[in-house]
Each structure stands twice: as structure tokens, then as C-alpha cells.
Amino acid sequence: MPFSFSLVMLQWSVGGLFFLWVTTRLRVVGLGYGQMMRITYALMAAAAFSIGLAWNASPLQNAAACVTAIASVGALTQSVRYRSAGVSGQTAIATQRSERVAAMTGIDRAPQQKDATATEFDPNYDLIAPAAGLLGVVAVGVEAGGPVWLHLARLIVGALFLGVVSDAMLLGHWYLVQPGLGRKPLRDLVLWSSVLLLPEVALLLIPTGMFSVFSGAINDGYGGILGWFWIASALTTAGLFFMSWVALKEKQYSAVMAATGLLYLAILTAFSIDLVARALLR
């Protein structure tokens, strides 16, 4: 199974940027969130490119990482260019709440006005970078030989899984900046994380997979401890996703912060599922 730090960084950026689009297409999260995420994943893609060059990674992988970084910066530039228009959904929610407060209290505090004539940032720009990075991930899977379909499935699902868990945690923190934001964007990411956990674990069990570690056919070097650690990580991740979903059903604002804390822990266990297995099966 293909494994390198540059590949992991490229997968991470691909998954993160794709699920950024899943969030920005709703047009309710402030532009600052998208800008923060594009900078973060552009740096990851640039790191994948730099490490890939230093360690002689596949030329196609390096090219894809470079294009991913450039495309992410391009989307960032567009979002800054069109920032005067704001985000339509966010503006509509702020206006409705201001009108509700004015009706109840008589205090009219109009929300910050946006330029109605300006063009709003198109979230579809966020699809260009992950599409470019995905081509590099696919190229690595094909070049690896063996059961190509299994390599491709593991790499693509792994990229999506790492990205969605990271985005969920970061979006949870964004509620501190935008406290009036509804919970749907975060619920969506937690749901996607839970859904992707199933194929992520299943694909890593398919022979040659983690069953070979459990049986001792593949020596982990630690007397089978890493196999048990992998099982514990999978079960713990499932539990953390479930508790995050339950927490988000609570009405108190603190529930969002509780879910964010659980997702922080889920990043550690989720990454263990993917990286430990790939280190043992490479």
C-alpha cells in the first residue's frame, strides 16, 4: 500500500478542500472561514510538493500537489476580491435576527450592510484544487500496481476521511467567531465523518489488510500491540462521532464547544486508523 509523508499531506489537503466546498456551498459561513481553510490546505499542498521533490516522489504526485496549492491560492484570491458582497445566507440570517430583536425590544440595530451590487464569491472555485490533487492521488494508486482498485479506494476514501474530520474540528472552532451560525454545517460534517468511517475501516481489512496483522502473518514489531491499537482507534473514533452528534442535539451553545472538543480527540484516533494501517501494510 502506498505510503509517504508527501502523499499523506496531499490526501489531507484534497479531502479538506473538498469538504470546504461542502460547507461553503451552503452560503451561511463567513468568508473568513473559507479564507483560513484555503491558506491552511494550500500550505499542506505546498509541503507535499516540497517533501515530494526532496524524497523523489512520483512526478505526477508532485505536479498535482503544486497545482492544488496554486488553485487553492487562486480561490483565496477570488474570495478576497469579492468580499464586499459578503455571504448571502449569512446576511439574510443576520437581517432576520435584527428584525426579530427590533420587534421585541424596539431597539433597531441593523446588521452590517453589504454591497448589493457586488458579485458574491462562487463556492465552486473550491472544487478546482481538490480535483487537481485527486488526479495525483489516483496516479499514485495506479503506479503502485497490485490490486489497483483496492489501492485507489483506500487512498481516495482515506483522503476524504482525513479531510472531513479535520474540517469538522476547525468549523467547530469557527462558531466562536460566528456564534449565530446554525448547526447544520457542523452536523453535515459529523454525519459525513461517521459515514466515511465505515468504508475506511472495511477497506483496510480487505486482504492483504489488517486481518494479516491480527493473525501474525504481518509482524508489527511489537508483538501485535499495534493491531490492538488499531482496533481501539476504530472503536473510539466511532464513539466520539456518536457523542459529537448527540452533543449537537442539545440547545445550549456550549454543546457546540463540547462537540468540537470531542472532534479534537477524534482527529487523533481517526488518523491512527489510516496511518497505522498504512505503515504496517506498505
C-alpha atoms as a PDB file:
ATOM      1  CA  MET A   1       0.000   0.000   0.000  1.00  0.00           C
ATOM      2  CA  PRO A   2       1.495   3.396  -0.995  1.00  0.00           C
ATOM      3  CA  PHE A   3       2.711   5.396   1.997  1.00  0.00           C
ATOM      4  CA  SER A   4       4.798   8.559   2.252  1.00  0.00           C
ATOM      5  CA  PHE A   5       4.555  11.824   4.149  1.00  0.00           C
ATOM      6  CA  SER A   6       4.149  13.793   0.922  1.00  0.00           C
ATOM      7  CA  LEU A   7       1.259  11.567  -0.171  1.00  0.00           C
ATOM      8  CA  VAL A   8      -0.483  11.905   3.184  1.00  0.00           C
ATOM      9  CA  MET A   9      -0.161  15.697   3.041  1.00  0.00           C
ATOM     10  CA  LEU A  10      -1.598  15.726  -0.478  1.00  0.00           C
ATOM     11  CA  GLN A  11      -4.507  13.473   0.548  1.00  0.00           C
ATOM     12  CA  TRP A  12      -5.184  15.613   3.592  1.00  0.00           C
ATOM     13  CA  SER A  13      -5.350  18.791   1.513  1.00  0.00           C
ATOM     14  CA  VAL A  14      -7.575  17.138  -1.119  1.00  0.00           C
ATOM     15  CA  GLY A  15     -10.094  15.892   1.433  1.00  0.00           C
ATOM     16  CA  GLY A  16     -10.037  19.110   3.425  1.00  0.00           C
ATOM     17  CA  LEU A  17     -10.572  21.320   0.377  1.00  0.00           C
ATOM     18  CA  PHE A  18     -13.402  19.148  -0.921  1.00  0.00           C
ATOM     19  CA  PHE A  19     -15.307  19.320   2.348  1.00  0.00           C
ATOM     20  CA  LEU A  20     -14.614  23.038   2.488  1.00  0.00           C
ATOM     21  CA  TRP A  21     -16.752  23.222  -0.654  1.00  0.00           C
ATOM     22  CA  VAL A  22     -19.405  21.073   1.047  1.00  0.00           C
ATOM     23  CA  THR A  23     -19.597  23.802   3.703  1.00  0.00           C
ATOM     24  CA  THR A  24     -19.164  26.962   1.591  1.00  0.00           C
ATOM     25  CA  ARG A  25     -21.832  25.904  -0.928  1.00  0.00           C
ATOM     26  CA  LEU A  26     -24.430  26.433   1.828  1.00  0.00           C
ATOM     27  CA  ARG A  27     -23.524  30.159   1.810  1.00  0.00           C
ATOM     28  CA  VAL A  28     -24.034  30.632   5.537  1.00  0.00           C
ATOM     29  CA  VAL A  29     -20.474  30.510   6.901  1.00  0.00           C
ATOM     30  CA  GLY A  30     -18.487  33.755   6.869  1.00  0.00           C
ATOM     31  CA  LEU A  31     -15.821  34.374   4.236  1.00  0.00           C
ATOM     32  CA  GLY A  32     -13.126  34.331   6.901  1.00  0.00           C
ATOM     33  CA  TYR A  33     -13.626  30.619   7.495  1.00  0.00           C
ATOM     34  CA  GLY A  34     -13.039  29.771   3.860  1.00  0.00           C
ATOM     35  CA  GLN A  35     -10.010  32.025   3.687  1.00  0.00           C
ATOM     36  CA  MET A  36      -8.491  30.392   6.757  1.00  0.00           C
ATOM     37  CA  MET A  37      -9.067  26.917   5.340  1.00  0.00           C
ATOM     38  CA  ARG A  38      -7.682  27.729   1.895  1.00  0.00           C
ATOM     39  CA  ILE A  39      -4.490  29.098   3.422  1.00  0.00           C
ATOM     40  CA  THR A  40      -4.149  26.022   5.653  1.00  0.00           C
ATOM     41  CA  TYR A  41      -4.585  23.487   2.880  1.00  0.00           C
ATOM     42  CA  ALA A  42      -2.557  25.465   0.354  1.00  0.00           C
ATOM     43  CA  LEU A  43       0.357  25.241   2.810  1.00  0.00           C
ATOM     44  CA  MET A  44      -0.240  21.488   3.176  1.00  0.00           C
ATOM     45  CA  ALA A  45      -0.216  21.005  -0.585  1.00  0.00           C
ATOM     46  CA  ALA A  46       2.930  23.105  -0.852  1.00  0.00           C
ATOM     47  CA  ALA A  47       4.525  20.950   1.854  1.00  0.00           C
ATOM     48  CA  ALA A  48       3.510  17.828  -0.089  1.00  0.00           C
ATOM     49  CA  PHE A  49       5.194  19.263  -3.169  1.00  0.00           C
ATOM     50  CA  SER A  50       8.386  20.211  -1.306  1.00  0.00           C
ATOM     51  CA  ILE A  51       8.679  16.886   0.522  1.00  0.00           C
ATOM     52  CA  GLY A  52       7.883  15.004  -2.675  1.00  0.00           C
ATOM     53  CA  LEU A  53      10.685  16.743  -4.515  1.00  0.00           C
ATOM     54  CA  ALA A  54      13.153  16.065  -1.708  1.00  0.00           C
ATOM     55  CA  TRP A  55      12.192  12.385  -1.457  1.00  0.00           C
ATOM     56  CA  ASN A  56      11.801  11.719  -5.187  1.00  0.00           C
ATOM     57  CA  ALA A  57       8.061  11.129  -5.152  1.00  0.00           C
ATOM     58  CA  SER A  58       6.106  10.447  -8.333  1.00  0.00           C
ATOM     59  CA  PRO A  59       6.320  13.380 -10.800  1.00  0.00           C
ATOM     60  CA  LEU A  60       2.551  13.209 -11.259  1.00  0.00           C
ATOM     61  CA  GLN A  61       2.046  13.415  -7.499  1.00  0.00           C
ATOM     62  CA  ASN A  62       4.373  16.414  -7.253  1.00  0.00           C
ATOM     63  CA  ALA A  63       2.689  18.164 -10.167  1.00  0.00           C
ATOM     64  CA  ALA A  64      -0.747  17.591  -8.637  1.00  0.00           C
ATOM     65  CA  ALA A  65       0.404  18.938  -5.269  1.00  0.00           C
ATOM     66  CA  CYS A  66       1.793  22.060  -6.928  1.00  0.00           C
ATOM     67  CA  VAL A  67      -1.415  22.694  -8.880  1.00  0.00           C
ATOM     68  CA  THR A  68      -3.504  22.071  -5.750  1.00  0.00           C
ATOM     69  CA  ALA A  69      -1.581  24.730  -3.842  1.00  0.00           C
ATOM     70  CA  ILE A  70      -1.851  27.219  -6.704  1.00  0.00           C
ATOM     71  CA  ALA A  71      -5.574  26.574  -7.226  1.00  0.00           C
ATOM     72  CA  SER A  72      -6.252  26.975  -3.514  1.00  0.00           C
ATOM     73  CA  VAL A  73      -4.463  30.329  -3.513  1.00  0.00           C
ATOM     74  CA  GLY A  74      -6.469  31.271  -6.595  1.00  0.00           C
ATOM     75  CA  ALA A  75      -9.758  30.543  -4.800  1.00  0.00           C
ATOM     76  CA  LEU A  76      -8.475  32.535  -1.821  1.00  0.00           C
ATOM     77  CA  THR A  77      -7.720  35.484  -4.100  1.00  0.00           C
ATOM     78  CA  GLN A  78     -11.217  35.347  -5.560  1.00  0.00           C
ATOM     79  CA  SER A  79     -12.845  35.277  -2.113  1.00  0.00           C
ATOM     80  CA  VAL A  80     -10.857  38.360  -1.084  1.00  0.00           C
ATOM     81  CA  ARG A  81     -11.714  40.088  -4.333  1.00  0.00           C
ATOM     82  CA  TYR A  82     -15.460  39.590  -3.825  1.00  0.00           C
ATOM     83  CA  ARG A  83     -15.525  40.105  -0.050  1.00  0.00           C
ATOM     84  CA  SER A  84     -17.579  43.315  -0.296  1.00  0.00           C
ATOM     85  CA  ALA A  85     -20.623  41.238  -1.309  1.00  0.00           C
ATOM     86  CA  GLY A  86     -20.429  39.145   1.857  1.00  0.00           C
ATOM     87  CA  VAL A  87     -22.253  35.799   2.056  1.00  0.00           C
ATOM     88  CA  SER A  88     -25.931  35.849   1.106  1.00  0.00           C
ATOM     89  CA  GLY A  89     -27.121  33.280   3.634  1.00  0.00           C
ATOM     90  CA  GLN A  90     -25.180  34.838   6.496  1.00  0.00           C
ATOM     91  CA  THR A  91     -26.512  38.301   5.652  1.00  0.00           C
ATOM     92  CA  ALA A  92     -30.106  37.035   5.447  1.00  0.00           C
ATOM     93  CA  ILE A  93     -29.867  35.342   8.853  1.00  0.00           C
ATOM     94  CA  ALA A  94     -28.365  38.462  10.446  1.00  0.00           C
ATOM     95  CA  THR A  95     -31.130  40.632   8.979  1.00  0.00           C
ATOM     96  CA  GLN A  96     -33.900  38.312  10.225  1.00  0.00           C
ATOM     97  CA  ARG A  97     -32.468  38.258  13.742  1.00  0.00           C
ATOM     98  CA  SER A  98     -32.071  42.026  13.835  1.00  0.00           C
ATOM     99  CA  GLU A  99     -35.694  42.457  12.803  1.00  0.00           C
ATOM    100  CA  ARG A 100     -36.788  39.986  15.499  1.00  0.00           C
ATOM    101  CA  VAL A 101     -34.828  41.863  18.182  1.00  0.00           C
ATOM    102  CA  ALA A 102     -36.250  45.189  16.992  1.00  0.00           C
ATOM    103  CA  ALA A 103     -39.800  43.824  17.148  1.00  0.00           C
ATOM    104  CA  MET A 104     -39.339  42.538  20.705  1.00  0.00           C
ATOM    105  CA  THR A 105     -37.310  45.370  22.219  1.00  0.00           C
ATOM    106  CA  GLY A 106     -37.801  48.361  19.961  1.00  0.00           C
ATOM    107  CA  ILE A 107     -34.025  48.582  19.567  1.00  0.00           C
ATOM    108  CA  ASP A 108     -33.182  48.703  15.890  1.00  0.00           C
ATOM    109  CA  ARG A 109     -29.610  47.638  15.284  1.00  0.00           C
ATOM    110  CA  ALA A 110     -29.229  46.993  11.603  1.00  0.00           C
ATOM    111  CA  PRO A 111     -26.615  44.419  10.640  1.00  0.00           C
ATOM    112  CA  GLN A 112     -23.527  45.457   8.734  1.00  0.00           C
ATOM    113  CA  GLN A 113     -24.556  46.374   5.232  1.00  0.00           C
ATOM    114  CA  LYS A 114     -23.057  44.605   2.235  1.00  0.00           C
ATOM    115  CA  ASP A 115     -22.674  45.877  -1.304  1.00  0.00           C
ATOM    116  CA  ALA A 116     -25.803  44.555  -3.013  1.00  0.00           C
ATOM    117  CA  THR A 117     -24.360  45.312  -6.453  1.00  0.00           C
ATOM    118  CA  ALA A 118     -21.138  43.348  -5.914  1.00  0.00           C
ATOM    119  CA  THR A 119     -20.633  39.823  -7.197  1.00  0.00           C
ATOM    120  CA  GLU A 120     -20.639  37.161  -4.495  1.00  0.00           C
ATOM    121  CA  PHE A 121     -17.810  34.635  -4.300  1.00  0.00           C
ATOM    122  CA  ASP A 122     -18.719  31.423  -6.135  1.00  0.00           C
ATOM    123  CA  PRO A 123     -18.058  28.383  -3.861  1.00  0.00           C
ATOM    124  CA  ASN A 124     -17.461  26.217  -6.931  1.00  0.00           C
ATOM    125  CA  TYR A 125     -13.979  27.726  -7.138  1.00  0.00           C
ATOM    126  CA  ASP A 126     -13.236  25.492  -4.147  1.00  0.00           C
ATOM    127  CA  LEU A 127     -13.648  22.380  -6.317  1.00  0.00           C
ATOM    128  CA  ILE A 128     -10.709  23.114  -8.628  1.00  0.00           C
ATOM    129  CA  ALA A 129      -7.937  22.481  -6.100  1.00  0.00           C
ATOM    130  CA  PRO A 130      -9.185  19.130  -4.743  1.00  0.00           C
ATOM    131  CA  ALA A 131      -9.927  17.925  -8.283  1.00  0.00           C
ATOM    132  CA  ALA A 132      -6.314  18.610  -9.260  1.00  0.00           C
ATOM    133  CA  GLY A 133      -4.975  16.923  -6.141  1.00  0.00           C
ATOM    134  CA  LEU A 134      -7.210  13.912  -6.675  1.00  0.00           C
ATOM    135  CA  LEU A 135      -5.545  13.267 -10.032  1.00  0.00           C
ATOM    136  CA  GLY A 136      -2.207  12.963  -8.231  1.00  0.00           C
ATOM    137  CA  VAL A 137      -3.659  10.581  -5.640  1.00  0.00           C
ATOM    138  CA  VAL A 138      -5.143   8.418  -8.396  1.00  0.00           C
ATOM    139  CA  ALA A 139      -1.822   8.400 -10.245  1.00  0.00           C
ATOM    140  CA  VAL A 140      -0.038   7.084  -7.153  1.00  0.00           C
ATOM    141  CA  GLY A 141      -2.636   4.346  -6.713  1.00  0.00           C
ATOM    142  CA  VAL A 142      -2.270   3.214 -10.327  1.00  0.00           C
ATOM    143  CA  GLU A 143       1.541   3.279 -10.210  1.00  0.00           C
ATOM    144  CA  ALA A 144       1.556   1.141  -7.047  1.00  0.00           C
ATOM    145  CA  GLY A 145       0.458  -1.929  -9.003  1.00  0.00           C
ATOM    146  CA  GLY A 146      -1.125  -4.862  -7.171  1.00  0.00           C
ATOM    147  CA  PRO A 147      -4.912  -4.674  -6.811  1.00  0.00           C
ATOM    148  CA  VAL A 148      -5.262  -1.200  -8.307  1.00  0.00           C
ATOM    149  CA  TRP A 149      -8.933  -0.866  -7.356  1.00  0.00           C
ATOM    150  CA  LEU A 150      -8.094  -1.510  -3.703  1.00  0.00           C
ATOM    151  CA  HIS A 151      -5.229   0.986  -3.661  1.00  0.00           C
ATOM    152  CA  LEU A 152      -7.410   3.627  -5.295  1.00  0.00           C
ATOM    153  CA  ALA A 153     -10.331   3.013  -2.950  1.00  0.00           C
ATOM    154  CA  ARG A 154      -8.105   3.173   0.121  1.00  0.00           C
ATOM    155  CA  LEU A 155      -6.337   6.338  -0.996  1.00  0.00           C
ATOM    156  CA  ILE A 156      -9.483   8.213  -2.072  1.00  0.00           C
ATOM    157  CA  VAL A 157     -11.567   7.230   0.952  1.00  0.00           C
ATOM    158  CA  GLY A 158      -8.597   7.935   3.200  1.00  0.00           C
ATOM    159  CA  ALA A 159      -8.227  11.418   1.719  1.00  0.00           C
ATOM    160  CA  LEU A 160     -11.902  12.203   2.251  1.00  0.00           C
ATOM    161  CA  PHE A 161     -11.841  10.761   5.765  1.00  0.00           C
ATOM    162  CA  LEU A 162      -8.805  12.738   6.929  1.00  0.00           C
ATOM    163  CA  GLY A 163     -10.197  15.902   5.372  1.00  0.00           C
ATOM    164  CA  VAL A 164     -13.717  15.756   6.771  1.00  0.00           C
ATOM    165  CA  VAL A 165     -12.602  15.054  10.350  1.00  0.00           C
ATOM    166  CA  SER A 166     -10.173  17.982  10.224  1.00  0.00           C
ATOM    167  CA  ASP A 167     -12.768  20.314   8.718  1.00  0.00           C
ATOM    168  CA  ALA A 168     -15.344  19.355  11.333  1.00  0.00           C
ATOM    169  CA  MET A 169     -12.984  20.234  14.165  1.00  0.00           C
ATOM    170  CA  LEU A 170     -11.942  23.539  12.574  1.00  0.00           C
ATOM    171  CA  LEU A 171     -15.534  24.503  11.786  1.00  0.00           C
ATOM    172  CA  GLY A 172     -16.470  23.832  15.404  1.00  0.00           C
ATOM    173  CA  HIS A 173     -13.919  26.446  16.455  1.00  0.00           C
ATOM    174  CA  TRP A 174     -15.338  28.906  13.925  1.00  0.00           C
ATOM    175  CA  TYR A 175     -18.538  29.122  15.992  1.00  0.00           C
ATOM    176  CA  LEU A 176     -16.528  31.249  18.430  1.00  0.00           C
ATOM    177  CA  VAL A 177     -16.090  33.784  15.635  1.00  0.00           C
ATOM    178  CA  GLN A 178     -19.628  33.435  14.227  1.00  0.00           C
ATOM    179  CA  PRO A 179     -21.797  32.459  17.224  1.00  0.00           C
ATOM    180  CA  GLY A 180     -25.076  32.966  15.349  1.00  0.00           C
ATOM    181  CA  LEU A 181     -24.213  30.278  12.827  1.00  0.00           C
ATOM    182  CA  GLY A 182     -26.713  27.415  12.682  1.00  0.00           C
ATOM    183  CA  ARG A 183     -25.590  23.884  13.408  1.00  0.00           C
ATOM    184  CA  LYS A 184     -26.382  22.342  10.025  1.00  0.00           C
ATOM    185  CA  PRO A 185     -22.874  22.854   8.545  1.00  0.00           C
ATOM    186  CA  LEU A 186     -21.250  21.137  11.522  1.00  0.00           C
ATOM    187  CA  ARG A 187     -23.869  18.388  11.659  1.00  0.00           C
ATOM    188  CA  ASP A 188     -23.246  17.681   7.976  1.00  0.00           C
ATOM    189  CA  LEU A 189     -19.525  17.199   8.555  1.00  0.00           C
ATOM    190  CA  VAL A 190     -20.057  14.981  11.596  1.00  0.00           C
ATOM    191  CA  LEU A 191     -22.508  12.883   9.553  1.00  0.00           C
ATOM    192  CA  TRP A 192     -20.042  12.574   6.670  1.00  0.00           C
ATOM    193  CA  SER A 193     -17.293  11.618   9.117  1.00  0.00           C
ATOM    194  CA  SER A 194     -19.463   8.823  10.501  1.00  0.00           C
ATOM    195  CA  VAL A 195     -20.438   7.582   7.049  1.00  0.00           C
ATOM    196  CA  LEU A 196     -16.847   7.535   5.760  1.00  0.00           C
ATOM    197  CA  LEU A 197     -15.594   5.692   8.835  1.00  0.00           C
ATOM    198  CA  LEU A 198     -17.321   2.509   7.615  1.00  0.00           C
ATOM    199  CA  PRO A 199     -15.565   2.165   4.227  1.00  0.00           C
ATOM    200  CA  GLU A 200     -12.320   3.459   5.725  1.00  0.00           C
ATOM    201  CA  VAL A 201     -12.201   0.554   8.190  1.00  0.00           C
ATOM    202  CA  ALA A 202     -13.652  -2.020   5.781  1.00  0.00           C
ATOM    203  CA  LEU A 203     -11.146  -1.278   3.010  1.00  0.00           C
ATOM    204  CA  LEU A 204      -8.222  -1.616   5.416  1.00  0.00           C
ATOM    205  CA  LEU A 205      -9.471  -5.051   6.459  1.00  0.00           C
ATOM    206  CA  ILE A 206      -9.624  -6.468   2.918  1.00  0.00           C
ATOM    207  CA  PRO A 207      -6.680  -8.843   2.267  1.00  0.00           C
ATOM    208  CA  THR A 208      -3.900  -8.076   2.339  1.00  0.00           C
ATOM    209  CA  GLY A 209      -5.120  -5.990   5.241  1.00  0.00           C
ATOM    210  CA  MET A 210      -5.279  -5.648   8.986  1.00  0.00           C
ATOM    211  CA  PHE A 211      -6.520  -9.225   9.429  1.00  0.00           C
ATOM    212  CA  SER A 212      -2.997 -10.259   8.468  1.00  0.00           C
ATOM    213  CA  VAL A 213      -1.684  -8.183  11.373  1.00  0.00           C
ATOM    214  CA  PHE A 214      -4.193  -9.719  13.790  1.00  0.00           C
ATOM    215  CA  SER A 215      -3.232 -13.252  12.740  1.00  0.00           C
ATOM    216  CA  GLY A 216       0.505 -12.551  12.946  1.00  0.00           C
ATOM    217  CA  ALA A 217       1.094 -13.043   9.206  1.00  0.00           C
ATOM    218  CA  ILE A 218       2.389  -9.460   9.193  1.00  0.00           C
ATOM    219  CA  ASN A 219       4.720  -8.721  12.078  1.00  0.00           C
ATOM    220  CA  ASP A 220       4.121  -5.266  13.524  1.00  0.00           C
ATOM    221  CA  GLY A 221       7.353  -5.459  15.509  1.00  0.00           C
ATOM    222  CA  TYR A 222       5.568  -5.020  18.826  1.00  0.00           C
ATOM    223  CA  GLY A 223       4.024  -8.434  19.408  1.00  0.00           C
ATOM    224  CA  GLY A 224       0.665  -7.495  17.885  1.00  0.00           C
ATOM    225  CA  ILE A 225       0.125  -4.381  20.033  1.00  0.00           C
ATOM    226  CA  LEU A 226      -0.307  -2.112  17.003  1.00  0.00           C
ATOM    227  CA  GLY A 227      -3.116  -4.329  15.741  1.00  0.00           C
ATOM    228  CA  TRP A 228      -4.994  -3.965  19.013  1.00  0.00           C
ATOM    229  CA  PHE A 229      -4.240  -0.227  18.989  1.00  0.00           C
ATOM    230  CA  TRP A 230      -5.797  -0.002  15.514  1.00  0.00           C
ATOM    231  CA  ILE A 231      -8.962  -1.767  16.703  1.00  0.00           C
ATOM    232  CA  ALA A 232      -9.188   0.523  19.727  1.00  0.00           C
ATOM    233  CA  SER A 233      -8.740   3.583  17.497  1.00  0.00           C
ATOM    234  CA  ALA A 234     -11.574   2.486  15.197  1.00  0.00           C
ATOM    235  CA  LEU A 235     -13.985   1.835  18.062  1.00  0.00           C
ATOM    236  CA  THR A 236     -13.026   5.032  19.869  1.00  0.00           C
ATOM    237  CA  THR A 237     -13.474   7.099  16.704  1.00  0.00           C
ATOM    238  CA  ALA A 238     -16.962   5.693  16.202  1.00  0.00           C
ATOM    239  CA  GLY A 239     -17.817   6.522  19.802  1.00  0.00           C
ATOM    240  CA  LEU A 240     -16.505  10.072  19.509  1.00  0.00           C
ATOM    241  CA  PHE A 241     -18.520  10.700  16.345  1.00  0.00           C
ATOM    242  CA  PHE A 242     -21.651   9.391  18.048  1.00  0.00           C
ATOM    243  CA  MET A 243     -21.118  11.571  21.133  1.00  0.00           C
ATOM    244  CA  SER A 244     -20.462  14.611  18.912  1.00  0.00           C
ATOM    245  CA  TRP A 245     -23.755  14.019  17.099  1.00  0.00           C
ATOM    246  CA  VAL A 246     -25.619  13.670  20.394  1.00  0.00           C
ATOM    247  CA  ALA A 247     -23.983  16.818  21.782  1.00  0.00           C
ATOM    248  CA  LEU A 248     -25.118  18.837  18.767  1.00  0.00           C
ATOM    249  CA  LYS A 249     -28.735  17.960  19.569  1.00  0.00           C
ATOM    250  CA  GLU A 250     -28.531  19.955  22.802  1.00  0.00           C
ATOM    251  CA  LYS A 251     -29.842  23.514  22.612  1.00  0.00           C
ATOM    252  CA  GLN A 252     -27.160  25.185  24.712  1.00  0.00           C
ATOM    253  CA  TYR A 253     -24.363  26.951  22.843  1.00  0.00           C
ATOM    254  CA  SER A 254     -21.824  25.084  24.984  1.00  0.00           C
ATOM    255  CA  ALA A 255     -22.911  21.896  23.195  1.00  0.00           C
ATOM    256  CA  VAL A 256     -21.096  23.085  20.078  1.00  0.00           C
ATOM    257  CA  MET A 257     -17.894  23.536  22.054  1.00  0.00           C
ATOM    258  CA  ALA A 258     -18.353  20.099  23.609  1.00  0.00           C
ATOM    259  CA  ALA A 259     -18.726  18.554  20.152  1.00  0.00           C
ATOM    260  CA  THR A 260     -15.637  20.439  18.986  1.00  0.00           C
ATOM    261  CA  GLY A 261     -13.614  19.041  21.871  1.00  0.00           C
ATOM    262  CA  LEU A 262     -14.755  15.514  21.018  1.00  0.00           C
ATOM    263  CA  LEU A 263     -13.794  16.086  17.388  1.00  0.00           C
ATOM    264  CA  TYR A 264     -10.357  17.216  18.547  1.00  0.00           C
ATOM    265  CA  LEU A 265      -9.880  13.775  20.079  1.00  0.00           C
ATOM    266  CA  ALA A 266     -11.399  12.128  17.011  1.00  0.00           C
ATOM    267  CA  ILE A 267      -8.651  13.592  14.825  1.00  0.00           C
ATOM    268  CA  LEU A 268      -6.046  11.668  16.822  1.00  0.00           C
ATOM    269  CA  THR A 269      -7.909   8.372  16.666  1.00  0.00           C
ATOM    270  CA  ALA A 270      -9.065   8.812  13.058  1.00  0.00           C
ATOM    271  CA  PHE A 271      -5.548   9.496  11.841  1.00  0.00           C
ATOM    272  CA  SER A 272      -4.371   6.431  13.765  1.00  0.00           C
ATOM    273  CA  ILE A 273      -6.831   4.281  11.806  1.00  0.00           C
ATOM    274  CA  ASP A 274      -5.391   5.392   8.482  1.00  0.00           C
ATOM    275  CA  LEU A 275      -1.710   5.923   9.216  1.00  0.00           C
ATOM    276  CA  VAL A 276      -1.043   2.920  11.460  1.00  0.00           C
ATOM    277  CA  ALA A 277      -2.636   0.575   8.943  1.00  0.00           C
ATOM    278  CA  ARG A 278      -0.758   2.075   6.006  1.00  0.00           C
ATOM    279  CA  ALA A 279       2.558   1.917   7.852  1.00  0.00           C
ATOM    280  CA  LEU A 280       2.014  -1.789   8.543  1.00  0.00           C
ATOM    281  CA  LEU A 281       0.697  -2.688   5.095  1.00  0.00           C
ATOM    282  CA  ARG A 282       3.150  -0.770   2.910  1.00  0.00           C
END
